Amino acid sequence: DDAVATHLYRIVQESLNNAVKHANASQINVTLKAEQDHGLLEISDDGIGIPDCLDDSSGLGLNIMKHRCGLFDGEITINPAGRCGTQVRCRFPINPPENIN
């Protein structure tokens, strides 16, 4: 679906921008795969990381990523990636609802 593809692209774009601009990451990995009845988009970096607890007042870009993922019934998590770095995971149904804007 073109709309879902566009939203996923923008989530990757924002994640890459954050990793470069805020985390000073030297390596960023992007993975998109299908697992049974859902897709999984993962972006991880080796930057300085993100605070352990994010609240609703987090940056505009993070809130927009959460909104975009919700538009196609996806679930997004943004967490520290182990000892350093950040991991963004967007899990979504492979056959999303028909009316996505």
Protein backbone atom coordinates (compact mmCIF):
# COMPACT_ATOMS: atom_id res chain seq x y z
CA ASP A 1 0.00 0.00 0.00
CA ASP A 2 1.46 3.35 -1.05
CA ALA A 3 0.22 5.21 2.02
CA VAL A 4 1.77 2.71 4.43
CA ALA A 5 5.01 2.75 2.43
CA THR A 6 5.11 6.56 2.65
CA HIS A 7 4.53 6.51 6.42
CA LEU A 8 7.25 3.88 6.90
CA TYR A 9 9.62 5.93 4.76
CA ARG A 10 8.97 9.03 6.89
CA ILE A 11 9.50 7.05 10.11
CA VAL A 12 12.87 5.86 8.78
CA GLN A 13 13.72 9.39 7.65
CA GLU A 14 12.98 10.88 11.08
CA SER A 15 14.88 8.09 12.85
CA LEU A 16 17.93 8.62 10.65
CA ASN A 17 17.76 12.36 11.17
CA ASN A 18 17.59 11.90 14.95
CA ALA A 19 20.48 9.42 14.97
CA VAL A 20 22.73 11.77 13.01
CA LYS A 21 21.62 15.10 14.48
CA HIS A 22 21.08 14.24 18.16
CA ALA A 23 22.86 10.94 18.87
CA ASN A 24 26.09 11.38 16.91
CA ALA A 25 25.71 7.82 15.64
CA SER A 26 28.46 6.33 13.50
CA GLN A 27 26.48 3.25 12.47
CA ILE A 28 22.75 2.94 11.75
CA ASN A 29 20.97 -0.27 10.75
CA VAL A 30 17.57 -0.31 9.04
CA THR A 31 15.64 -3.57 8.67
CA LEU A 32 12.21 -4.24 7.20
CA LYS A 33 10.83 -7.76 7.28
CA ALA A 34 7.61 -9.73 7.22
CA GLU A 35 6.86 -12.10 10.10
CA GLN A 36 3.68 -14.19 9.75
CA ASP A 37 0.79 -11.68 9.85
CA HIS A 38 2.76 -8.50 10.52
CA GLY A 39 5.65 -6.42 9.27
CA LEU A 40 8.51 -5.18 11.40
CA LEU A 41 10.56 -2.06 10.75
CA GLU A 42 13.63 -1.66 12.97
CA ILE A 43 16.10 1.21 13.05
CA SER A 44 18.98 0.97 15.50
CA ASP A 45 22.04 3.13 16.00
CA ASP A 46 25.19 3.20 18.11
CA GLY A 47 24.83 6.82 19.23
CA ILE A 48 24.66 8.30 22.71
CA GLY A 49 21.21 6.83 23.27
CA ILE A 50 17.85 8.16 24.30
CA PRO A 51 16.61 8.70 27.86
CA ASP A 52 15.12 5.58 29.48
CA CYS A 53 11.73 7.15 29.97
CA LEU A 54 10.06 9.24 27.33
CA ASP A 55 6.81 11.03 28.07
CA ASP A 56 4.21 12.69 25.88
CA SER A 57 6.20 15.93 25.90
CA SER A 58 8.99 14.28 23.91
CA GLY A 59 10.11 15.93 20.69
CA LEU A 60 7.73 16.69 17.87
CA GLY A 61 9.47 14.22 15.55
CA LEU A 62 8.98 11.32 17.97
CA ASN A 63 5.31 12.18 18.40
CA ILE A 64 4.83 12.37 14.63
CA MET A 65 6.45 8.92 14.24
CA LYS A 66 4.04 7.54 16.86
CA HIS A 67 1.11 9.17 15.06
CA ARG A 68 2.18 7.86 11.65
CA CYS A 69 2.54 4.31 12.96
CA GLY A 70 -0.90 4.48 14.54
CA LEU A 71 -2.47 5.46 11.21
CA PHE A 72 -1.96 1.91 9.91
CA ASP A 73 -2.69 0.16 13.22
CA GLY A 74 0.99 -0.21 14.01
CA GLU A 75 2.75 -0.13 17.36
CA ILE A 76 5.98 1.78 17.77
CA THR A 77 8.55 1.54 20.53
CA ILE A 78 11.53 3.83 20.95
CA ASN A 79 14.02 2.55 23.50
CA PRO A 80 17.67 2.53 24.41
CA ALA A 81 19.47 -0.18 22.44
CA GLY A 82 21.51 -2.00 25.05
CA ARG A 83 24.61 -0.27 26.40
CA CYS A 84 24.50 2.53 23.83
CA GLY A 85 22.34 3.71 21.01
CA THR A 86 18.63 3.78 20.29
CA GLN A 87 16.24 1.30 18.73
CA VAL A 88 13.01 2.24 16.98
CA ARG A 89 10.64 -0.68 16.27
CA CYS A 90 7.42 -0.32 14.32
CA ARG A 91 5.29 -3.48 14.20
CA PHE A 92 2.27 -3.35 11.89
CA PRO A 93 -0.33 -5.61 10.25
CA ILE A 94 0.64 -6.74 6.78
CA ASN A 95 -2.91 -6.23 5.53
CA PRO A 96 -3.75 -2.80 7.03
CA PRO A 97 -7.23 -1.22 7.00
CA GLU A 98 -8.45 0.19 3.68
CA ASN A 99 -8.83 3.88 4.64
CA ILE A 100 -5.37 5.22 5.45
CA ASN A 101 -4.60 8.89 4.91
